[in-house]
Amino acid sequence: MARAVTFLAMLLLAAAQASAAPALVITAEHSPPASMKVDGKVVGREGEKIREMLARAGYAYSIDVLPWKRAYTMALRDPYTCVYSTSRTPERENLFKWVGPTDEAEWVLMGRAGRKYDVHTLDDARALRIGTYHGDARDEFLRARGFDVDGAPDNAANPKKLMLGRIDLWAVGVRNNDLSALSRFAATEQIVPVLVFHRVKVYLACNPSVPDAMVERMNAALGAMRKDGTFARLEKKYELWQGRQ
């Protein structure tokens, strides 16, 4: 009986702490099918994972889809703000507190169909100009390693630049080697994969002001979602969404 009372007291204390915590501000970019707005509501494979996790953790939150640079900068700058889906890299490790992983991705160099590329390793691309998206992890990764990077404020500009010969390659992130999500940027018969050059896991990245106890509670909720099949269910839900607008 005493144990039951103690356990109930612990639950009540945890619930009180959760309700007392400031509301989290969650940001993301428009990146179907991982995250997008439908009828004014943020949904998507990763969006629904984050919403379910926060519901289980018992934290109040707001969530919005924004341009990536703004979403990422807000999480860097603003207390109690988090951004997904954020690649966890050595360059970013100490900038955030990490909840996840929620997914994983491959980084791929895409090239123009019909052009011969003698690129078998990332170093083979050092003589080539690589298009990136300002502020994303691939942009940071390649710049830090001295590659010739041409960043764009909008990722949709990169396939156009590639087809016009203004860049030689385009660095993108894809999930499970599925390139269909890139169809919103370019015709898949015009642009082809040249090299998978890195693999990463992606997270909800939180401003360091978010208390460790909140991060631990969110990670515990994600762990429970993996065990009870919620992750698998949400991933299956969006399988047929791949490539739709």
Protein backbone atom coordinates (compact mmCIF):
# COMPACT_ATOMS: atom_id res chain seq x y z
CA MET A 1 0.00 0.00 0.00
CA ALA A 2 2.82 2.37 0.95
CA ARG A 3 4.53 1.71 -2.38
CA ALA A 4 1.31 2.48 -4.26
CA VAL A 5 0.93 5.76 -2.37
CA THR A 6 4.57 6.69 -3.08
CA PHE A 7 4.18 5.90 -6.79
CA LEU A 8 0.97 7.95 -6.97
CA ALA A 9 2.72 10.85 -5.25
CA MET A 10 5.54 10.66 -7.79
CA LEU A 11 3.04 10.73 -10.64
CA LEU A 12 1.24 13.72 -9.17
CA LEU A 13 4.54 15.55 -8.65
CA ALA A 14 5.61 14.86 -12.24
CA ALA A 15 2.25 16.08 -13.54
CA ALA A 16 2.50 19.25 -11.44
CA GLN A 17 6.03 19.92 -12.73
CA ALA A 18 4.90 19.41 -16.32
CA SER A 19 1.96 21.78 -15.96
CA ALA A 20 4.21 24.40 -14.32
CA ALA A 21 6.76 24.36 -17.16
CA PRO A 22 6.57 27.20 -19.71
CA ALA A 23 4.96 26.27 -23.01
CA LEU A 24 7.47 25.08 -25.59
CA VAL A 25 7.70 26.78 -28.97
CA ILE A 26 8.22 24.10 -31.63
CA THR A 27 9.41 25.11 -35.11
CA ALA A 28 9.94 23.16 -38.31
CA GLU A 29 10.29 23.74 -42.03
CA HIS A 30 7.91 22.77 -44.82
CA SER A 31 9.36 19.42 -45.84
CA PRO A 32 6.68 16.93 -46.94
CA PRO A 33 5.99 14.27 -45.88
CA ALA A 34 8.00 14.89 -42.70
CA SER A 35 6.36 18.18 -41.81
CA MET A 36 3.79 20.43 -43.47
CA LYS A 37 0.56 22.30 -42.81
CA VAL A 38 -2.75 20.82 -43.92
CA ASP A 39 -5.86 22.93 -43.31
CA GLY A 40 -3.85 25.12 -40.96
CA LYS A 41 -2.61 22.23 -38.80
CA VAL A 42 1.00 21.02 -38.65
CA VAL A 43 1.08 17.34 -39.59
CA GLY A 44 3.48 14.96 -41.30
CA ARG A 45 5.47 11.92 -40.29
CA GLU A 46 7.82 13.78 -37.95
CA GLY A 47 5.25 16.41 -37.01
CA GLU A 48 2.88 13.78 -35.66
CA LYS A 49 5.69 12.06 -33.76
CA ILE A 50 6.57 15.34 -32.05
CA ARG A 51 2.94 16.14 -31.22
CA GLU A 52 2.32 12.66 -29.77
CA MET A 53 5.54 12.82 -27.75
CA LEU A 54 4.60 16.20 -26.25
CA ALA A 55 1.09 14.98 -25.44
CA ARG A 56 2.52 12.00 -23.56
CA ALA A 57 5.07 14.16 -21.77
CA GLY A 58 2.28 16.52 -20.74
CA TYR A 59 3.89 19.74 -21.94
CA ALA A 60 2.01 22.68 -23.40
CA TYR A 61 3.36 23.86 -26.75
CA SER A 62 2.77 25.82 -29.91
CA ILE A 63 3.99 24.55 -33.27
CA ASP A 64 4.51 26.21 -36.63
CA VAL A 65 6.10 25.66 -40.03
CA LEU A 66 8.56 28.39 -41.02
CA PRO A 67 11.46 28.91 -43.43
CA TRP A 68 14.29 26.70 -42.15
CA LYS A 69 16.76 29.49 -41.38
CA ARG A 70 14.19 31.29 -39.23
CA ALA A 71 13.04 28.10 -37.50
CA TYR A 72 16.62 27.08 -36.70
CA THR A 73 17.67 30.57 -35.55
CA MET A 74 14.70 30.78 -33.19
CA ALA A 75 15.76 27.54 -31.48
CA LEU A 76 19.32 28.80 -31.17
CA ARG A 77 18.25 32.15 -29.76
CA ASP A 78 14.95 31.88 -27.92
CA PRO A 79 14.34 30.22 -24.53
CA TYR A 80 12.10 27.15 -24.46
CA THR A 81 12.22 26.83 -28.26
CA CYS A 82 12.97 23.64 -30.21
CA VAL A 83 13.30 22.82 -33.92
CA TYR A 84 12.88 19.59 -35.88
CA SER A 85 14.04 17.70 -37.89
CA THR A 86 17.58 18.76 -37.02
CA SER A 87 20.63 16.77 -38.05
CA ARG A 88 22.85 16.06 -35.04
CA THR A 89 26.38 16.87 -36.14
CA PRO A 90 29.62 17.53 -34.22
CA GLU A 91 29.37 21.21 -35.20
CA ARG A 92 25.94 21.47 -33.52
CA GLU A 93 26.41 19.12 -30.57
CA ASN A 94 26.90 21.76 -27.88
CA LEU A 95 24.40 24.26 -29.32
CA PHE A 96 21.28 22.34 -28.28
CA LYS A 97 19.78 19.75 -25.99
CA TRP A 98 18.67 16.76 -28.06
CA VAL A 99 15.42 14.81 -28.06
CA GLY A 100 15.42 11.74 -30.26
CA PRO A 101 16.40 10.53 -32.70
CA THR A 102 13.07 10.79 -34.47
CA ASP A 103 14.40 9.65 -37.85
CA GLU A 104 17.55 9.23 -39.94
CA ALA A 105 18.64 10.44 -43.34
CA GLU A 106 21.24 10.04 -46.05
CA TRP A 107 23.04 13.02 -47.55
CA VAL A 108 23.26 12.68 -51.30
CA LEU A 109 25.05 14.59 -54.04
CA MET A 110 22.61 14.93 -56.94
CA GLY A 111 23.79 15.59 -60.48
CA ARG A 112 22.42 16.33 -63.91
CA ALA A 113 21.22 13.30 -65.84
CA GLY A 114 23.43 12.69 -68.86
CA ARG A 115 26.55 14.28 -67.36
CA LYS A 116 29.47 12.00 -66.53
CA TYR A 117 30.66 12.42 -62.94
CA ASP A 118 33.92 10.84 -61.80
CA VAL A 119 32.87 11.06 -58.16
CA HIS A 120 33.34 7.96 -56.00
CA THR A 121 34.17 9.63 -52.67
CA LEU A 122 33.36 13.05 -51.25
CA ASP A 123 36.93 14.18 -51.86
CA ASP A 124 36.42 13.54 -55.57
CA ALA A 125 33.93 16.44 -55.54
CA ARG A 126 36.41 19.04 -54.28
CA ALA A 127 36.92 20.51 -57.74
CA LEU A 128 33.15 20.88 -58.25
CA ARG A 129 30.73 23.59 -57.14
CA ILE A 130 28.09 22.20 -54.77
CA GLY A 131 24.69 23.82 -54.27
CA THR A 132 23.33 23.89 -50.73
CA TYR A 133 20.58 25.52 -48.69
CA HIS A 134 21.72 28.38 -46.42
CA GLY A 135 21.87 27.31 -42.80
CA ASP A 136 21.18 23.61 -43.20
CA ALA A 137 23.49 20.88 -41.91
CA ARG A 138 24.89 19.95 -45.33
CA ASP A 139 25.84 23.57 -45.96
CA GLU A 140 27.66 23.72 -42.60
CA PHE A 141 29.31 20.32 -43.10
CA LEU A 142 30.71 21.07 -46.54
CA ARG A 143 31.84 24.61 -45.71
CA ALA A 144 33.65 23.37 -42.60
CA ARG A 145 35.58 20.94 -44.79
CA GLY A 146 36.62 23.50 -47.39
CA PHE A 147 34.35 22.55 -50.30
CA ASP A 148 33.28 25.05 -52.97
CA VAL A 149 29.76 25.72 -51.72
CA ASP A 150 27.10 27.89 -53.34
CA GLY A 151 24.32 28.41 -50.78
CA ALA A 152 20.79 29.36 -51.81
CA PRO A 153 18.13 31.03 -49.62
CA ASP A 154 15.53 28.60 -51.02
CA ASN A 155 16.31 24.95 -51.70
CA ALA A 156 13.96 25.01 -54.69
CA ALA A 157 16.51 27.20 -56.49
CA ASN A 158 19.16 24.49 -56.50
CA PRO A 159 17.75 22.11 -59.16
CA LYS A 160 17.25 25.12 -61.45
CA LYS A 161 20.86 26.18 -60.87
CA LEU A 162 21.98 22.61 -61.52
CA MET A 163 20.14 22.40 -64.83
CA LEU A 164 21.55 25.79 -65.89
CA GLY A 165 25.11 24.69 -65.07
CA ARG A 166 25.56 27.28 -62.31
CA ILE A 167 26.41 24.46 -59.88
CA ASP A 168 27.83 21.02 -60.60
CA LEU A 169 26.12 19.09 -57.80
CA TRP A 170 23.31 19.60 -55.30
CA ALA A 171 23.60 18.33 -51.71
CA VAL A 172 20.28 17.06 -50.34
CA GLY A 173 18.97 14.88 -47.53
CA VAL A 174 16.78 11.88 -48.30
CA ARG A 175 15.17 9.17 -46.20
CA ASN A 176 15.80 5.46 -46.78
CA ASN A 177 17.23 6.17 -50.24
CA ASP A 178 13.78 7.38 -51.33
CA LEU A 179 14.23 10.22 -53.80
CA SER A 180 10.54 10.67 -54.54
CA ALA A 181 10.22 13.50 -52.01
CA LEU A 182 12.56 15.53 -54.23
CA SER A 183 9.94 15.56 -56.96
CA ARG A 184 8.54 18.77 -55.49
CA PHE A 185 11.82 20.43 -56.53
CA ALA A 186 12.62 18.83 -59.89
CA ALA A 187 11.72 16.09 -62.36
CA THR A 188 13.45 12.93 -61.18
CA GLU A 189 14.47 11.98 -64.73
CA GLN A 190 16.50 15.20 -65.01
CA ILE A 191 18.41 14.91 -61.76
CA VAL A 192 20.04 11.70 -60.53
CA PRO A 193 21.96 10.57 -57.43
CA VAL A 194 25.74 10.63 -57.78
CA LEU A 195 27.02 9.80 -54.29
CA VAL A 196 25.71 9.11 -50.78
CA PHE A 197 28.32 10.99 -48.76
CA HIS A 198 27.03 10.92 -45.17
CA ARG A 199 24.39 9.39 -42.91
CA VAL A 200 22.87 11.21 -39.95
CA LYS A 201 20.15 10.90 -37.34
CA VAL A 202 17.70 13.76 -36.87
CA TYR A 203 16.28 15.13 -33.64
CA LEU A 204 14.14 17.74 -31.96
CA ALA A 205 16.88 20.23 -31.06
CA CYS A 206 16.06 22.37 -28.02
CA ASN A 207 17.49 25.64 -26.79
CA PRO A 208 19.80 25.01 -23.78
CA SER A 209 17.30 26.85 -21.56
CA VAL A 210 15.02 23.80 -21.69
CA PRO A 211 15.64 21.97 -18.38
CA ASP A 212 17.31 18.58 -18.44
CA ALA A 213 14.28 17.08 -16.69
CA MET A 214 12.04 18.14 -19.59
CA VAL A 215 14.45 16.70 -22.14
CA GLU A 216 14.62 13.42 -20.22
CA ARG A 217 10.82 13.24 -20.00
CA MET A 218 10.45 13.88 -23.76
CA ASN A 219 13.08 11.25 -24.54
CA ALA A 220 11.27 8.77 -22.29
CA ALA A 221 8.01 9.45 -24.15
CA LEU A 222 9.75 8.83 -27.48
CA GLY A 223 11.21 5.60 -26.13
CA ALA A 224 7.73 4.42 -25.16
CA MET A 225 6.43 5.33 -28.63
CA ARG A 226 9.10 3.17 -30.26
CA LYS A 227 8.26 0.23 -28.00
CA ASP A 228 4.48 0.38 -28.42
CA GLY A 229 4.59 0.65 -32.22
CA THR A 230 3.58 4.31 -32.55
CA PHE A 231 6.70 5.15 -34.55
CA ALA A 232 6.08 2.32 -36.97
CA ARG A 233 2.40 3.25 -37.32
CA LEU A 234 3.14 6.88 -38.16
CA GLU A 235 5.84 5.94 -40.64
CA LYS A 236 3.48 3.53 -42.37
CA LYS A 237 0.74 6.19 -42.41
CA TYR A 238 2.92 8.48 -44.51
CA GLU A 239 4.46 5.87 -46.81
CA LEU A 240 1.82 6.49 -49.48
CA TRP A 241 2.26 10.25 -49.09
CA GLN A 242 5.78 10.17 -50.56
CA GLY A 243 6.07 12.55 -53.47
CA ARG A 244 2.58 14.07 -53.17
CA GLN A 245 2.17 17.85 -53.00
